[in-house]
């Protein structure tokens, strides 16, 4: 292969290799942040199970477990009745349709705004007016990542 052909081949493939490197960087970073969000949500639920339902304590525990800047934490307690392998939200002071008392659950949702290097086609980016993105504080061209953990209290 002549030097001219090698240079031509390099000039043709280099942009594609650069695009591939950027795509891999964004994918790996987003997956790593998503794993940290899952750990944070789990950490918040575990704290609530070990202590009691306290939103500030859950938030502190989740943010400490996340090791991500500006993680938003939402937590709430709800009652539910199991039926057919699923859990349906129900009033805490009423009986379930099957006659048993409802179980109390702790739900922790964590979210963070991820900024990809490029706007990738097929990836839902935040836009103004999107309530989830607005709540998390995401701007246009950012991607909202979130995780949720639910456990019996």
Protein backbone atom coordinates (compact mmCIF):
# COMPACT_ATOMS: atom_id res chain seq x y z
CA UNK A 1 0.00 0.00 0.00
CA UNK A 2 1.45 3.36 -0.97
CA UNK A 3 1.84 6.24 1.48
CA UNK A 4 -0.82 8.22 -0.39
CA UNK A 5 -3.35 5.46 0.07
CA UNK A 6 -2.51 5.15 3.77
CA UNK A 7 -2.99 8.88 4.30
CA UNK A 8 -6.24 8.79 2.35
CA UNK A 9 -7.44 5.79 4.43
CA UNK A 10 -6.50 7.60 7.65
CA UNK A 11 -8.31 10.77 6.59
CA UNK A 12 -11.46 8.77 5.78
CA UNK A 13 -11.52 6.66 8.96
CA UNK A 14 -10.30 9.20 11.52
CA UNK A 15 -13.63 11.11 11.83
CA UNK A 16 -15.51 7.84 12.36
CA UNK A 17 -13.03 6.69 15.00
CA UNK A 18 -13.33 10.04 16.78
CA UNK A 19 -17.14 9.79 16.72
CA UNK A 20 -16.93 6.24 18.06
CA UNK A 21 -14.63 7.38 20.89
CA UNK A 22 -17.05 10.17 21.85
CA UNK A 23 -20.00 7.78 21.79
CA UNK A 24 -18.17 5.31 24.03
CA UNK A 25 -17.19 8.08 26.44
CA UNK A 26 -20.81 9.24 26.76
CA UNK A 27 -22.16 5.70 27.09
CA UNK A 28 -19.67 4.63 29.74
CA UNK A 29 -20.10 7.88 31.72
CA UNK A 30 -23.90 7.62 31.63
CA UNK A 31 -23.84 3.96 32.70
CA UNK A 32 -21.43 4.74 35.55
CA UNK A 33 -23.61 7.64 36.75
CA UNK A 34 -26.71 5.42 36.50
CA UNK A 35 -25.01 2.79 38.68
CA UNK A 36 -24.15 5.46 41.27
CA UNK A 37 -27.78 6.67 41.23
CA UNK A 38 -28.99 3.13 41.90
CA UNK A 39 -26.54 2.83 44.79
CA UNK A 40 -27.78 6.18 46.15
CA UNK A 41 -31.45 5.16 46.01
CA UNK A 42 -30.63 1.86 47.70
CA UNK A 43 -28.59 3.67 50.36
CA UNK A 44 -31.53 5.95 51.13
CA UNK A 45 -33.93 3.01 51.46
CA UNK A 46 -31.51 1.10 53.66
CA UNK A 47 -31.12 4.14 55.93
CA UNK A 48 -34.92 4.45 56.23
CA UNK A 49 -35.25 0.75 57.09
CA UNK A 50 -32.54 0.97 59.74
CA UNK A 51 -33.86 4.18 61.30
CA UNK A 52 -37.28 5.59 60.52
CA UNK A 53 -38.85 7.58 57.74
CA UNK A 54 -37.13 10.96 57.85
CA UNK A 55 -36.73 12.79 54.54
CA UNK A 56 -33.66 14.77 55.57
CA UNK A 57 -31.90 11.64 56.85
CA UNK A 58 -32.78 9.71 53.71
CA UNK A 59 -31.58 12.58 51.51
CA UNK A 60 -28.27 12.81 53.37
CA UNK A 61 -27.72 9.04 53.18
CA UNK A 62 -28.58 8.90 49.47
CA UNK A 63 -26.38 11.87 48.56
CA UNK A 64 -23.49 10.39 50.54
CA UNK A 65 -23.86 7.05 48.75
CA UNK A 66 -24.08 8.65 45.30
CA UNK A 67 -20.72 10.39 45.09
CA UNK A 68 -22.21 12.56 42.33
CA UNK A 69 -22.58 16.33 42.41
CA UNK A 70 -26.08 17.78 42.64
CA UNK A 71 -28.05 14.55 43.10
CA UNK A 72 -31.73 15.24 43.69
CA UNK A 73 -33.44 12.90 46.15
CA UNK A 74 -37.19 12.43 46.54
CA UNK A 75 -38.54 10.08 49.17
CA UNK A 76 -41.97 9.18 50.43
CA UNK A 77 -43.73 6.53 52.40
CA UNK A 78 -46.78 4.76 51.06
CA UNK A 79 -48.94 1.78 51.90
CA UNK A 80 -49.71 -0.99 49.49
CA UNK A 81 -51.49 -4.27 49.09
CA UNK A 82 -49.94 -7.19 47.23
CA UNK A 83 -52.08 -8.78 44.55
CA UNK A 84 -51.05 -11.02 41.69
CA UNK A 85 -47.33 -10.38 42.05
CA UNK A 86 -47.79 -6.61 42.07
CA UNK A 87 -48.26 -4.00 44.77
CA UNK A 88 -51.16 -1.56 44.56
CA UNK A 89 -51.12 1.65 46.56
CA UNK A 90 -53.80 1.63 49.23
CA UNK A 91 -54.83 3.68 52.25
CA UNK A 92 -52.75 2.87 55.32
CA UNK A 93 -55.73 2.82 57.70
CA UNK A 94 -57.94 0.54 55.59
CA UNK A 95 -57.86 -3.17 54.89
CA UNK A 96 -56.70 -4.61 51.59
CA UNK A 97 -59.31 -6.22 49.32
CA UNK A 98 -58.02 -9.64 50.44
CA UNK A 99 -58.64 -8.65 54.08
CA UNK A 100 -55.08 -8.16 55.35
CA UNK A 101 -53.61 -4.86 56.51
CA UNK A 102 -51.57 -2.94 53.95
CA UNK A 103 -47.76 -2.94 54.17
CA UNK A 104 -45.84 0.33 54.56
CA UNK A 105 -43.17 0.93 51.92
CA UNK A 106 -40.38 3.47 51.58
CA UNK A 107 -39.73 4.79 48.08
CA UNK A 108 -36.56 6.70 47.23
CA UNK A 109 -35.96 8.22 43.80
CA UNK A 110 -32.63 9.78 42.86
CA UNK A 111 -31.91 11.82 39.75
CA UNK A 112 -29.11 13.82 38.18
CA UNK A 113 -28.65 15.79 34.96
CA UNK A 114 -26.11 14.22 32.59
CA UNK A 115 -24.38 16.32 29.95
CA UNK A 116 -23.33 14.26 26.92
CA UNK A 117 -20.51 15.47 24.69
CA UNK A 118 -22.79 15.42 21.64
CA UNK A 119 -26.55 15.41 21.11
CA UNK A 120 -27.06 11.81 20.05
CA UNK A 121 -30.06 10.87 17.90
CA UNK A 122 -32.56 8.71 19.73
CA UNK A 123 -31.54 9.95 23.19
CA UNK A 124 -34.30 11.91 24.92
CA UNK A 125 -32.88 15.25 26.01
CA UNK A 126 -34.51 17.70 28.36
CA UNK A 127 -36.63 20.49 26.97
CA UNK A 128 -38.28 23.39 28.73
CA UNK A 129 -41.69 22.45 30.05
CA UNK A 130 -40.73 18.87 30.92
CA UNK A 131 -41.75 18.64 34.58
CA UNK A 132 -39.23 15.91 35.49
CA UNK A 133 -36.34 17.82 33.93
CA UNK A 134 -37.48 21.09 35.48
CA UNK A 135 -37.71 19.48 38.94
CA UNK A 136 -34.20 18.07 38.62
CA UNK A 137 -32.86 21.39 37.32
CA UNK A 138 -31.77 20.04 33.95
CA UNK A 139 -31.20 22.40 31.05
CA UNK A 140 -31.69 21.83 27.35
CA UNK A 141 -29.31 19.26 25.82
CA UNK A 142 -28.92 17.43 29.13
CA UNK A 143 -30.27 13.96 29.78
CA UNK A 144 -32.15 13.14 32.99
CA UNK A 145 -30.89 9.97 34.67
CA UNK A 146 -32.89 8.52 37.55
CA UNK A 147 -33.14 5.44 39.75
CA UNK A 148 -35.70 4.24 42.25
CA UNK A 149 -35.59 1.83 45.15
CA UNK A 150 -38.59 0.49 47.12
CA UNK A 151 -38.53 -1.55 50.30
CA UNK A 152 -40.76 -2.61 53.15
CA UNK A 153 -40.41 -0.33 56.13
